[in-house]
Amino acid sequence: MPEDKPVEAYAEPRSRTISNTNKLTVQAVFNDVLSGNDNYYIRVNGTPQPGNVVQVSATDKTTKSYTVQVGDSTDDIEDFFNTDAGGFYTVSAGVIPQVSFLAGIQIIENKNTPSINLSGYQHINTYAVRRWRIIVGSDVKAGNIFYFEDQH
């Protein structure tokens, strides 16, 4: 570092991304025929994780997608899809709803306290520069960012 330049070093916790590994079972369960339409229940089994995506589509219906948030249950997901009269997912006679599941990702906010310190300052006359030993603290998580001047 040039000797006449002030030095700034700091750390931020930021966030990290993890891929979900769970698997929800999503089914369109036929119930009955009413007024020329087929009534299905969209059923979800398993333990939802934030970032999971469940999607249901059928001919002549708008595709619906649900992204699981913190605290959501399988009941929340089912309630989102089973909104037609009688609490069903209703389609034209003979149409079979298509269901899909994507495990997705979670963005986890880091709650740690990363630190970075400069020590061992040395003035080097020959080159008119300064040198430090950079020490990163022990509270480190994926996604933390450490800055030294305009570099990270």
C-alpha atoms as a PDB file:
ATOM      1  CA  MET A   1       0.000   0.000   0.000  1.00  0.00           C
ATOM      2  CA  PRO A   2       1.353   3.457  -0.771  1.00  0.00           C
ATOM      3  CA  GLU A   3       2.455   5.150   2.437  1.00  0.00           C
ATOM      4  CA  ASP A   4       0.278   8.243   2.085  1.00  0.00           C
ATOM      5  CA  LYS A   5      -2.956   6.306   1.505  1.00  0.00           C
ATOM      6  CA  PRO A   6      -5.306   5.606   4.464  1.00  0.00           C
ATOM      7  CA  VAL A   7      -6.208   1.945   4.959  1.00  0.00           C
ATOM      8  CA  GLU A   8      -9.665   0.555   5.571  1.00  0.00           C
ATOM      9  CA  ALA A   9     -10.459  -3.042   6.495  1.00  0.00           C
ATOM     10  CA  TYR A  10     -13.814  -4.450   7.635  1.00  0.00           C
ATOM     11  CA  ALA A  11     -16.034  -7.525   7.419  1.00  0.00           C
ATOM     12  CA  GLU A  12     -19.760  -8.091   6.836  1.00  0.00           C
ATOM     13  CA  PRO A  13     -21.808 -11.191   7.731  1.00  0.00           C
ATOM     14  CA  ARG A  14     -23.994 -11.105   4.554  1.00  0.00           C
ATOM     15  CA  SER A  15     -25.782 -14.353   3.642  1.00  0.00           C
ATOM     16  CA  ARG A  16     -25.214 -17.782   2.192  1.00  0.00           C
ATOM     17  CA  THR A  17     -27.224 -19.985  -0.153  1.00  0.00           C
ATOM     18  CA  ILE A  18     -27.931 -23.648   0.470  1.00  0.00           C
ATOM     19  CA  SER A  19     -29.626 -26.149  -1.811  1.00  0.00           C
ATOM     20  CA  ASN A  20     -32.594 -27.944  -0.295  1.00  0.00           C
ATOM     21  CA  THR A  21     -32.360 -31.736  -0.262  1.00  0.00           C
ATOM     22  CA  ASN A  22     -35.871 -32.600   0.912  1.00  0.00           C
ATOM     23  CA  LYS A  23     -38.509 -34.171  -1.308  1.00  0.00           C
ATOM     24  CA  LEU A  24     -42.198 -33.416  -1.051  1.00  0.00           C
ATOM     25  CA  THR A  25     -44.710 -35.818  -2.570  1.00  0.00           C
ATOM     26  CA  VAL A  26     -47.322 -33.855  -4.519  1.00  0.00           C
ATOM     27  CA  GLN A  27     -50.402 -35.607  -5.891  1.00  0.00           C
ATOM     28  CA  ALA A  28     -53.596 -34.658  -7.683  1.00  0.00           C
ATOM     29  CA  VAL A  29     -56.113 -37.000  -6.048  1.00  0.00           C
ATOM     30  CA  PHE A  30     -59.383 -37.481  -7.958  1.00  0.00           C
ATOM     31  CA  ASN A  31     -62.511 -36.961  -5.834  1.00  0.00           C
ATOM     32  CA  ASP A  32     -65.609 -36.834  -8.048  1.00  0.00           C
ATOM     33  CA  VAL A  33     -67.356 -35.405 -11.114  1.00  0.00           C
ATOM     34  CA  LEU A  34     -69.689 -32.466 -10.633  1.00  0.00           C
ATOM     35  CA  SER A  35     -71.499 -30.524 -13.380  1.00  0.00           C
ATOM     36  CA  GLY A  36     -69.204 -31.850 -16.090  1.00  0.00           C
ATOM     37  CA  ASN A  37     -66.021 -31.012 -14.199  1.00  0.00           C
ATOM     38  CA  ASP A  38     -63.562 -33.253 -12.400  1.00  0.00           C
ATOM     39  CA  ASN A  39     -62.735 -32.341  -8.814  1.00  0.00           C
ATOM     40  CA  TYR A  40     -59.277 -33.105  -7.461  1.00  0.00           C
ATOM     41  CA  TYR A  41     -57.579 -32.533  -4.152  1.00  0.00           C
ATOM     42  CA  ILE A  42     -53.981 -31.382  -4.416  1.00  0.00           C
ATOM     43  CA  ARG A  43     -52.214 -33.250  -1.609  1.00  0.00           C
ATOM     44  CA  VAL A  44     -48.704 -32.594  -0.298  1.00  0.00           C
ATOM     45  CA  ASN A  45     -46.762 -34.934   1.987  1.00  0.00           C
ATOM     46  CA  GLY A  46     -43.373 -34.372   3.571  1.00  0.00           C
ATOM     47  CA  THR A  47     -41.655 -31.589   5.439  1.00  0.00           C
ATOM     48  CA  PRO A  48     -41.560 -28.345   3.462  1.00  0.00           C
ATOM     49  CA  GLN A  49     -38.459 -26.172   3.560  1.00  0.00           C
ATOM     50  CA  PRO A  50     -38.249 -22.498   2.618  1.00  0.00           C
ATOM     51  CA  GLY A  51     -37.486 -22.237  -1.080  1.00  0.00           C
ATOM     52  CA  ASN A  52     -39.357 -25.399  -2.115  1.00  0.00           C
ATOM     53  CA  VAL A  53     -41.570 -24.796  -5.161  1.00  0.00           C
ATOM     54  CA  VAL A  54     -44.777 -26.694  -5.903  1.00  0.00           C
ATOM     55  CA  GLN A  55     -46.517 -26.162  -9.238  1.00  0.00           C
ATOM     56  CA  VAL A  56     -49.860 -27.369 -10.593  1.00  0.00           C
ATOM     57  CA  SER A  57     -51.083 -26.935 -14.146  1.00  0.00           C
ATOM     58  CA  ALA A  58     -53.975 -28.192 -16.247  1.00  0.00           C
ATOM     59  CA  THR A  59     -55.435 -27.537 -19.684  1.00  0.00           C
ATOM     60  CA  ASP A  60     -57.512 -24.324 -19.738  1.00  0.00           C
ATOM     61  CA  LYS A  61     -56.307 -23.274 -16.267  1.00  0.00           C
ATOM     62  CA  THR A  62     -53.623 -20.816 -15.277  1.00  0.00           C
ATOM     63  CA  THR A  63     -50.535 -22.555 -13.897  1.00  0.00           C
ATOM     64  CA  LYS A  64     -50.187 -21.928 -10.165  1.00  0.00           C
ATOM     65  CA  SER A  65     -46.868 -21.964  -8.292  1.00  0.00           C
ATOM     66  CA  TYR A  66     -46.262 -21.858  -4.570  1.00  0.00           C
ATOM     67  CA  THR A  67     -42.873 -21.029  -3.048  1.00  0.00           C
ATOM     68  CA  VAL A  68     -42.574 -22.175   0.558  1.00  0.00           C
ATOM     69  CA  GLN A  69     -41.690 -19.491   3.105  1.00  0.00           C
ATOM     70  CA  VAL A  70     -40.412 -19.904   6.670  1.00  0.00           C
ATOM     71  CA  GLY A  71     -43.175 -21.384   8.829  1.00  0.00           C
ATOM     72  CA  ASP A  72     -45.313 -22.742   5.966  1.00  0.00           C
ATOM     73  CA  SER A  73     -46.886 -26.173   6.375  1.00  0.00           C
ATOM     74  CA  THR A  74     -48.287 -28.716   3.924  1.00  0.00           C
ATOM     75  CA  ASP A  75     -51.756 -27.391   4.822  1.00  0.00           C
ATOM     76  CA  ASP A  76     -50.728 -23.911   3.621  1.00  0.00           C
ATOM     77  CA  ILE A  77     -49.585 -25.351   0.295  1.00  0.00           C
ATOM     78  CA  GLU A  78     -52.728 -27.447  -0.179  1.00  0.00           C
ATOM     79  CA  ASP A  79     -54.980 -24.495   0.727  1.00  0.00           C
ATOM     80  CA  PHE A  80     -53.254 -22.428  -1.974  1.00  0.00           C
ATOM     81  CA  PHE A  81     -54.211 -24.910  -4.708  1.00  0.00           C
ATOM     82  CA  ASN A  82     -57.588 -26.231  -3.478  1.00  0.00           C
ATOM     83  CA  THR A  83     -59.475 -22.953  -3.876  1.00  0.00           C
ATOM     84  CA  ASP A  84     -62.309 -23.875  -6.249  1.00  0.00           C
ATOM     85  CA  ALA A  85     -65.879 -24.476  -5.007  1.00  0.00           C
ATOM     86  CA  GLY A  86     -65.951 -27.099  -2.257  1.00  0.00           C
ATOM     87  CA  GLY A  87     -62.217 -26.788  -1.579  1.00  0.00           C
ATOM     88  CA  PHE A  88     -61.153 -28.585  -4.748  1.00  0.00           C
ATOM     89  CA  TYR A  89     -58.868 -28.024  -7.691  1.00  0.00           C
ATOM     90  CA  THR A  90     -61.462 -28.291 -10.472  1.00  0.00           C
ATOM     91  CA  VAL A  91     -60.697 -29.069 -14.123  1.00  0.00           C
ATOM     92  CA  SER A  92     -62.723 -29.895 -17.232  1.00  0.00           C
ATOM     93  CA  ALA A  93     -63.883 -33.513 -17.458  1.00  0.00           C
ATOM     94  CA  GLY A  94     -61.094 -35.822 -18.571  1.00  0.00           C
ATOM     95  CA  VAL A  95     -58.266 -33.349 -17.801  1.00  0.00           C
ATOM     96  CA  ILE A  96     -55.601 -34.628 -15.420  1.00  0.00           C
ATOM     97  CA  PRO A  97     -53.729 -31.941 -13.441  1.00  0.00           C
ATOM     98  CA  GLN A  98     -49.938 -32.017 -13.732  1.00  0.00           C
ATOM     99  CA  VAL A  99     -48.027 -31.513 -10.491  1.00  0.00           C
ATOM    100  CA  SER A 100     -44.341 -30.826  -9.984  1.00  0.00           C
ATOM    101  CA  PHE A 101     -41.923 -30.215  -7.141  1.00  0.00           C
ATOM    102  CA  LEU A 102     -38.599 -28.383  -7.120  1.00  0.00           C
ATOM    103  CA  ALA A 103     -36.436 -28.560  -3.989  1.00  0.00           C
ATOM    104  CA  GLY A 104     -35.134 -25.020  -4.557  1.00  0.00           C
ATOM    105  CA  ILE A 105     -32.693 -23.051  -2.440  1.00  0.00           C
ATOM    106  CA  GLN A 106     -32.663 -21.137   0.823  1.00  0.00           C
ATOM    107  CA  ILE A 107     -30.885 -17.869   1.452  1.00  0.00           C
ATOM    108  CA  ILE A 108     -29.691 -17.870   5.052  1.00  0.00           C
ATOM    109  CA  GLU A 109     -28.765 -14.595   6.700  1.00  0.00           C
ATOM    110  CA  ASN A 110     -25.505 -15.033   8.592  1.00  0.00           C
ATOM    111  CA  LYS A 111     -25.806 -14.035  12.239  1.00  0.00           C
ATOM    112  CA  ASN A 112     -22.134 -14.347  13.032  1.00  0.00           C
ATOM    113  CA  THR A 113     -19.712 -11.511  13.750  1.00  0.00           C
ATOM    114  CA  PRO A 114     -16.807 -11.804  11.336  1.00  0.00           C
ATOM    115  CA  SER A 115     -13.772  -9.662  12.012  1.00  0.00           C
ATOM    116  CA  ILE A 116     -10.598  -8.642  10.271  1.00  0.00           C
ATOM    117  CA  ASN A 117      -7.654  -6.915  11.922  1.00  0.00           C
ATOM    118  CA  LEU A 118      -4.456  -5.402  10.644  1.00  0.00           C
ATOM    119  CA  SER A 119      -1.335  -5.940  12.732  1.00  0.00           C
ATOM    120  CA  GLY A 120       2.394  -6.094  12.324  1.00  0.00           C
ATOM    121  CA  TYR A 121       2.601  -2.709  10.608  1.00  0.00           C
ATOM    122  CA  GLN A 122       5.912  -2.204   8.840  1.00  0.00           C
ATOM    123  CA  HIS A 123       7.179   0.920   7.182  1.00  0.00           C
ATOM    124  CA  ILE A 124       9.440   0.046   4.259  1.00  0.00           C
ATOM    125  CA  ASN A 125      11.484   3.114   3.306  1.00  0.00           C
ATOM    126  CA  THR A 126      13.002   1.763   0.134  1.00  0.00           C
ATOM    127  CA  TYR A 127       9.614   1.393  -1.535  1.00  0.00           C
ATOM    128  CA  ALA A 128       7.608   3.995   0.422  1.00  0.00           C
ATOM    129  CA  VAL A 129       4.925   1.400   1.170  1.00  0.00           C
ATOM    130  CA  ARG A 130       3.348  -0.117   4.267  1.00  0.00           C
ATOM    131  CA  ARG A 131       2.757  -3.771   5.018  1.00  0.00           C
ATOM    132  CA  TRP A 132       0.490  -5.575   7.538  1.00  0.00           C
ATOM    133  CA  ARG A 133      -0.299  -9.051   8.651  1.00  0.00           C
ATOM    134  CA  ILE A 134      -4.032  -9.586   8.033  1.00  0.00           C
ATOM    135  CA  ILE A 135      -5.802 -11.718  10.633  1.00  0.00           C
ATOM    136  CA  VAL A 136      -9.308 -12.984   9.988  1.00  0.00           C
ATOM    137  CA  GLY A 137     -11.284 -13.811  13.130  1.00  0.00           C
ATOM    138  CA  SER A 138     -12.550 -17.319  13.884  1.00  0.00           C
ATOM    139  CA  ASP A 139     -16.288 -16.569  13.476  1.00  0.00           C
ATOM    140  CA  VAL A 140     -16.472 -17.231   9.726  1.00  0.00           C
ATOM    141  CA  LYS A 141     -19.398 -18.518   7.628  1.00  0.00           C
ATOM    142  CA  ALA A 142     -19.906 -19.060   3.923  1.00  0.00           C
ATOM    143  CA  GLY A 143     -21.055 -15.779   2.409  1.00  0.00           C
ATOM    144  CA  ASN A 144     -19.060 -13.507   4.762  1.00  0.00           C
ATOM    145  CA  ILE A 145     -17.209 -10.821   2.849  1.00  0.00           C
ATOM    146  CA  PHE A 146     -13.927  -9.308   4.013  1.00  0.00           C
ATOM    147  CA  TYR A 147     -12.767  -5.999   2.612  1.00  0.00           C
ATOM    148  CA  PHE A 148      -9.302  -4.528   2.466  1.00  0.00           C
ATOM    149  CA  GLU A 149      -9.483  -1.174   0.791  1.00  0.00           C
ATOM    150  CA  ASP A 150     -11.540  -1.617  -2.386  1.00  0.00           C
ATOM    151  CA  GLN A 151     -10.759  -5.339  -2.655  1.00  0.00           C
ATOM    152  CA  HIS A 152     -12.852  -8.231  -1.288  1.00  0.00           C
END
